[in-house]
Protein backbone atom coordinates (compact mmCIF):
# COMPACT_ATOMS: atom_id res chain seq x y z
CA MET A 1 -37.02 -1.34 -12.89
CA LEU A 2 -34.36 0.03 -15.27
CA ARG A 3 -32.99 2.34 -12.57
CA GLY A 4 -32.71 -0.59 -10.16
CA PHE A 5 -30.95 -2.70 -12.77
CA ILE A 6 -28.45 0.08 -13.50
CA ASN A 7 -27.76 0.50 -9.77
CA TYR A 8 -27.14 -3.22 -9.52
CA LEU A 9 -24.67 -3.11 -12.42
CA ASP A 10 -22.97 -0.09 -10.88
CA ASP A 11 -22.48 -1.92 -7.58
CA TYR A 12 -21.20 -4.94 -9.48
CA LEU A 13 -18.64 -2.79 -11.28
CA ASP A 14 -17.42 -1.35 -7.97
CA ARG A 15 -16.84 -4.87 -6.66
CA THR A 16 -15.33 -6.55 -9.70
CA GLY A 17 -14.03 -3.78 -11.96
CA ILE A 18 -14.12 -3.77 -15.76
CA THR A 19 -12.94 -7.38 -16.02
CA GLY A 20 -15.98 -8.69 -14.18
CA LEU A 21 -18.38 -6.70 -16.32
CA VAL A 22 -16.73 -7.84 -19.55
CA GLN A 23 -17.00 -11.45 -18.41
CA GLY A 24 -20.69 -10.95 -17.67
CA ALA A 25 -21.24 -9.30 -21.04
CA LEU A 26 -19.59 -12.19 -22.87
CA GLY A 27 -21.78 -14.63 -20.95
CA ILE A 28 -24.94 -12.75 -21.90
CA LEU A 29 -23.88 -12.60 -25.55
CA ALA A 30 -23.19 -16.33 -25.59
CA PHE A 31 -26.62 -17.05 -24.12
CA ALA A 32 -28.30 -14.71 -26.62
CA SER A 33 -26.48 -16.43 -29.46
CA LEU A 34 -27.69 -19.81 -28.25
CA LEU A 35 -31.32 -18.65 -28.12
CA SER A 36 -31.17 -17.09 -31.57
CA ALA A 37 -29.60 -20.23 -32.99
CA VAL A 38 -32.45 -22.34 -31.63
CA PHE A 39 -35.43 -20.10 -32.35
CA GLY A 40 -34.57 -17.60 -35.04
CA SER A 41 -33.63 -17.19 -38.68
CA THR A 42 -30.28 -15.86 -39.86
CA ALA A 43 -31.51 -12.26 -40.11
CA ILE A 44 -33.09 -12.45 -36.65
CA LYS A 45 -29.90 -13.92 -35.25
CA ALA A 46 -27.80 -11.11 -36.69
CA GLY A 47 -30.20 -8.42 -35.54
CA ALA A 48 -30.41 -9.81 -32.03
CA LEU A 49 -26.65 -9.99 -31.76
CA VAL A 50 -26.20 -6.42 -33.00
CA ILE A 51 -28.84 -5.04 -30.63
CA ALA A 52 -27.46 -6.97 -27.68
CA THR A 53 -23.89 -5.91 -28.47
CA LEU A 54 -24.76 -2.21 -28.84
CA GLY A 55 -26.83 -2.28 -25.66
CA LEU A 56 -24.09 -3.89 -23.65
CA ILE A 57 -21.47 -1.49 -25.03
CA GLY A 58 -23.67 1.45 -24.07
CA VAL A 59 -24.16 0.17 -20.53
CA LEU A 60 -20.44 -0.56 -20.25
CA LEU A 61 -19.46 2.94 -21.36
CA MET A 62 -21.99 4.56 -19.02
CA LEU A 63 -20.89 2.55 -16.02
CA THR A 64 -17.21 3.02 -16.81
CA THR A 65 -17.67 6.79 -16.90
CA HIS A 66 -19.58 6.75 -13.63
CA HIS A 67 -16.99 4.51 -12.01
CA ARG A 68 -14.15 6.82 -13.03
CA THR A 69 -16.08 9.81 -11.65
CA LEU A 70 -16.50 8.04 -8.31
CA ARG A 71 -12.81 7.18 -8.19
CA ALA A 72 -11.86 10.78 -8.94
CA GLN A 73 -14.17 11.99 -6.16
CA ALA A 74 -12.68 9.48 -3.73
CA ASP A 75 -9.15 10.63 -4.64
CA GLU A 76 -10.17 14.24 -4.03
CA HIS A 77 -11.66 13.34 -0.65
CA ARG A 78 -8.48 11.53 0.36
CA LEU A 79 -6.43 14.57 -0.64
CA LEU A 80 -8.63 16.92 1.40
CA LEU A 81 -8.52 14.57 4.37
CA SER A 82 -4.73 14.48 4.19
CA ARG A 83 -4.54 18.29 4.05
CA TYR A 84 -6.82 18.68 7.08
CA CYS A 85 -4.80 16.14 9.03
CA ASN A 86 -1.61 17.99 8.11
CA ALA A 87 -3.14 21.25 9.32
CA LEU A 88 -4.23 19.67 12.60
CA THR A 89 -0.77 18.19 13.11
CA ARG A 90 0.84 21.62 12.66
CA GLU A 91 -1.65 23.27 15.02
CA MET A 92 -1.14 20.63 17.70
CA ASN A 93 2.65 20.54 17.21
CA GLN A 94 3.80 16.95 17.82
CA MET A 95 1.10 14.34 18.30
CA TRP A 96 3.29 11.29 18.85
CA HIS A 97 6.95 10.37 19.02
CA ILE A 98 8.31 7.25 17.31
CA HIS A 99 11.08 5.60 19.34
CA ARG A 100 11.62 2.36 17.44
CA TRP A 101 10.99 1.34 13.84
CA SER A 102 11.35 -2.35 12.93
CA GLU A 103 10.72 -3.59 9.40
CA THR A 104 11.12 -6.87 7.54
CA ALA A 105 10.81 -7.38 3.79
CA ASP A 106 10.66 -10.58 1.75
CA ILE A 107 11.75 -9.94 -1.86
CA ASP A 108 11.02 -12.37 -4.69
CA HIS A 109 12.93 -12.73 -7.97
CA ARG A 110 10.61 -10.21 -9.71
CA GLY A 111 11.19 -7.47 -7.15
CA ASN A 112 7.83 -7.83 -5.41
CA ALA A 113 7.90 -7.33 -1.65
CA ILE A 114 5.84 -8.60 1.26
CA GLY A 115 6.70 -6.94 4.54
CA LYS A 116 5.81 -6.03 8.09
CA ILE A 117 6.44 -2.83 10.04
CA THR A 118 6.32 -2.53 13.82
CA VAL A 119 6.38 0.95 15.35
CA HIS A 120 6.88 1.76 19.04
CA ALA A 121 5.84 5.29 20.02
CA THR A 122 4.65 7.59 22.81
CA VAL A 123 1.47 9.68 22.53
CA GLU A 124 2.12 13.39 23.10
CA ALA A 125 -1.29 14.84 22.19
CA GLU A 126 -4.10 15.00 24.71
CA ALA A 127 -5.77 12.24 22.70
CA LEU A 128 -4.53 10.57 19.52
CA HIS A 129 -7.39 10.64 17.01
CA PHE A 130 -5.23 9.74 14.01
CA LEU A 131 -1.63 9.10 13.03
CA ARG A 132 0.36 9.01 9.82
CA ILE A 133 3.28 7.18 8.30
CA CYS A 134 4.84 7.50 4.84
CA VAL A 135 6.47 4.59 3.04
CA GLY A 136 7.89 4.22 -0.45
CA SER A 137 10.25 2.56 -2.87
CA ASN A 138 13.48 3.96 -4.28
CA TRP A 139 12.19 4.48 -7.82
CA ARG A 140 9.27 6.01 -9.68
CA GLN A 141 6.88 3.12 -10.11
CA PRO A 142 4.35 3.03 -12.96
CA GLU A 143 0.72 3.61 -12.06
CA ARG A 144 -0.29 0.06 -12.99
CA THR A 145 1.83 -1.38 -10.16
CA LYS A 146 1.07 1.38 -7.65
CA ARG A 147 -2.65 0.57 -7.89
CA ASN A 148 -1.94 -2.89 -6.44
CA VAL A 149 0.13 -1.70 -3.46
CA GLN A 150 -1.58 -2.48 -0.15
CA VAL A 151 -0.49 -1.16 3.25
CA THR A 152 -2.81 -2.00 6.14
CA LEU A 153 -2.76 -1.37 9.87
CA ALA A 154 -2.90 -4.90 11.23
CA GLY A 155 -3.19 -3.82 14.86
CA LEU A 156 -2.51 -1.14 17.46
CA GLU A 157 -1.83 -1.92 21.08
CA ILE A 158 -1.89 0.48 24.02
CA MET A 159 0.72 -1.01 26.31
CA GLY A 160 -0.81 -2.15 29.57
CA THR A 161 -4.37 -1.63 28.33
CA GLY A 162 -4.98 -3.72 25.22
CA SER A 163 -5.72 -3.23 21.54
CA THR A 164 -7.99 -0.68 19.91
CA ARG A 165 -9.80 -0.45 16.57
CA TRP A 166 -8.46 1.70 13.73
CA ARG A 167 -9.21 2.23 10.07
CA GLU A 168 -6.81 3.50 7.47
CA THR A 169 -6.95 5.67 4.35
CA SER A 170 -4.06 6.21 1.96
CA ARG A 171 -2.96 8.33 -0.97
CA TRP A 172 0.10 8.68 -3.17
CA ARG A 173 2.11 11.82 -2.50
CA PRO A 174 3.77 13.85 -5.29
CA ASP A 175 7.18 12.60 -4.16
CA GLY A 176 6.14 9.00 -4.93
CA ARG A 177 5.63 7.86 -1.34
CA LEU A 178 2.44 6.31 -0.03
CA GLU A 179 0.89 8.21 2.87
CA VAL A 180 -1.13 6.04 5.26
CA LEU A 181 -3.50 7.73 7.71
CA ALA A 182 -4.83 5.57 10.55
CA HIS A 183 -8.00 6.82 12.28
CA CYS A 184 -9.09 5.63 15.72
CA VAL A 185 -12.69 4.37 15.88
CA SER A 186 -12.77 3.15 19.47
CA THR A 187 -10.66 3.85 22.59
CA LEU A 188 -8.34 6.83 22.02
CA PRO A 189 -4.74 6.57 23.21
CA LYS A 190 -4.05 9.34 25.73
CA ARG A 191 -1.02 11.50 26.44
CA GLY A 192 1.83 9.44 27.84
CA ASP A 193 0.51 6.11 26.53
CA GLN A 194 3.04 3.76 25.00
CA ILE A 195 1.65 2.32 21.78
CA ARG A 196 2.77 -0.35 19.34
CA LEU A 197 1.53 -0.46 15.76
CA HIS A 198 1.73 -3.34 13.29
CA PHE A 199 1.53 -2.64 9.55
CA ASP A 200 1.47 -5.26 6.80
CA TYR A 201 2.24 -4.48 3.18
CA THR A 202 2.11 -6.20 -0.17
CA TRP A 203 4.12 -4.15 -2.65
CA PRO A 204 4.38 -5.30 -6.28
CA GLY A 205 7.53 -4.00 -7.96
CA LYS A 206 8.99 -2.34 -4.85
CA CYS A 207 12.50 -3.65 -5.51
CA VAL A 208 12.55 -3.98 -9.30
CA PRO A 209 15.81 -1.96 -9.64
CA LEU A 210 17.50 -4.32 -7.18
CA VAL A 211 16.63 -7.55 -9.05
CA ARG A 212 17.66 -5.86 -12.32
CA ARG A 213 21.15 -5.66 -10.84
CA GLU A 214 20.95 -1.93 -10.19
CA VAL A 215 22.15 -0.41 -6.93
CA ASP A 216 19.16 0.07 -4.63
CA GLU A 217 18.84 1.97 -1.36
CA PHE A 218 16.58 1.37 1.62
CA VAL A 219 16.62 4.55 3.67
CA TRP A 220 14.54 6.34 6.32
CA GLU A 221 14.39 9.87 7.65
CA PHE A 222 12.53 10.83 10.83
CA SER A 223 11.64 14.35 12.00
CA ARG A 224 12.32 13.39 15.64
CA PRO A 225 15.25 11.52 17.22
CA LEU A 226 14.88 7.75 16.86
CA ALA A 227 16.13 5.35 19.53
CA GLN A 228 16.44 2.36 17.20
CA LEU A 229 15.99 1.44 13.55
CA GLU A 230 15.92 -2.21 12.55
CA TYR A 231 15.57 -3.52 9.01
CA GLN A 232 15.78 -7.05 7.70
CA ILE A 233 15.53 -7.92 4.03
CA MET A 234 15.30 -11.46 2.70
CA LEU A 235 16.67 -11.77 -0.84
CA PRO A 236 15.73 -14.30 -3.56
CA VAL A 237 17.28 -17.77 -3.50
CA GLY A 238 20.85 -17.97 -4.78
CA MET A 239 21.45 -14.20 -4.85
CA ARG A 240 24.73 -12.70 -3.74
CA THR A 241 24.99 -9.05 -2.85
CA ARG A 242 27.31 -6.26 -1.87
CA TYR A 243 26.02 -4.23 1.04
CA GLU A 244 26.94 -1.08 2.91
CA THR A 245 25.36 1.51 5.17
CA VAL A 246 23.94 4.86 4.09
CA GLY A 247 24.36 7.91 6.34
CA LEU A 248 26.15 6.01 9.12
CA ASP A 249 29.81 6.26 10.10
CA LYS A 250 32.24 5.01 12.73
CA GLN A 251 30.87 7.35 15.39
CA ASP A 252 27.43 5.73 15.17
CA THR A 253 26.24 2.64 17.00
CA PHE A 254 25.06 0.12 14.44
CA ASP A 255 25.44 -3.43 13.18
CA LEU A 256 25.11 -4.53 9.55
CA SER A 257 25.37 -8.22 8.72
CA LEU A 258 24.66 -10.77 5.99
CA TYR A 259 23.81 -14.38 6.70
CA SER A 260 22.20 -17.34 4.96
CA PRO A 261 19.92 -19.56 7.07
CA LYS A 262 19.09 -23.17 6.26
CA HIS A 263 16.61 -22.18 3.54
CA LYS A 264 19.60 -20.64 1.67
CA ARG A 265 17.98 -17.26 1.12
CA PRO A 266 20.46 -14.53 2.04
CA VAL A 267 19.29 -12.09 4.71
CA VAL A 268 20.71 -8.59 5.24
CA HIS A 269 20.14 -7.23 8.74
CA LEU A 270 20.70 -3.66 9.97
CA ILE A 271 20.32 -2.31 13.51
CA ALA A 272 21.16 1.35 14.18
CA ASN A 273 20.74 3.16 17.50
CA ASP A 274 20.35 6.78 18.60
CA ILE A 275 19.63 8.39 15.23
CA ALA A 276 19.36 12.18 15.21
CA ALA A 277 16.33 13.99 13.77
CA ASP A 278 16.21 14.73 10.01
CA ARG A 279 19.03 12.33 9.28
CA ARG A 280 18.85 10.05 6.24
CA VAL A 281 20.10 6.57 7.18
CA GLY A 282 19.75 3.04 5.91
CA LEU A 283 21.57 0.59 3.67
CA ARG A 284 22.58 0.10 0.04
CA LEU A 285 22.44 -3.22 -1.82
CA ASP A 286 24.00 -4.31 -5.11
CA LEU A 287 23.08 -7.83 -6.27
CA GLN A 288 25.71 -9.85 -8.08
């Protein structure tokens, strides 16, 4: 019975975290206090409270340790999975070729971002079992905000065929970027297939330097030539900004504009075409 109860508490901790367990512990203590107040003397009340408190603290410490061990094991598994995928990518040379990257980001006054990424690509491997993208912010975020970053693969379409099911895993790289691995669990895209991927992200603190009136950059670098890069960023209400390109010059084909729709939130929009491989391009913003 005790083993089953501990397993139940362990599952509960996985679902709710430490906050949920603390709330449950406080509820149990309150109930125990009520019973002792009704049925017991002062000494019995004190003893019951001490025993209940020590027992709950012991369970909490045990489950916290176990939970941290599981998280460490999961992190290690994600690292190994990433290494194996990297090795497979090198062995198979190029698995897919991104032609178009389109991204939108909605920034609030605290620097939090909600965005969408659409990727158009061609499959070059015999069959595409997995794929990888890396995304990041332009500053070293603290761990407490990185834990709440969510990037999910909302859908993948094989043009002319339909959608297919994928699952994603992710890990933080040493350079501060988030690596997202998407793994196919149904119909595999084949060589020559045109695919379109849709990613959604919720990113607390992504643009904190920008809203603190520091110059912030939004840049990309691709290992293969890119036909088109499009980025649209919606700024907080009432903000004014200076803006300029990064890594683009007069010889390039691009358009960078700023406009304010009816909702009065300024929008910066960049479209750049025919970007060479390993070239760092994007835009720079400086809020006023």
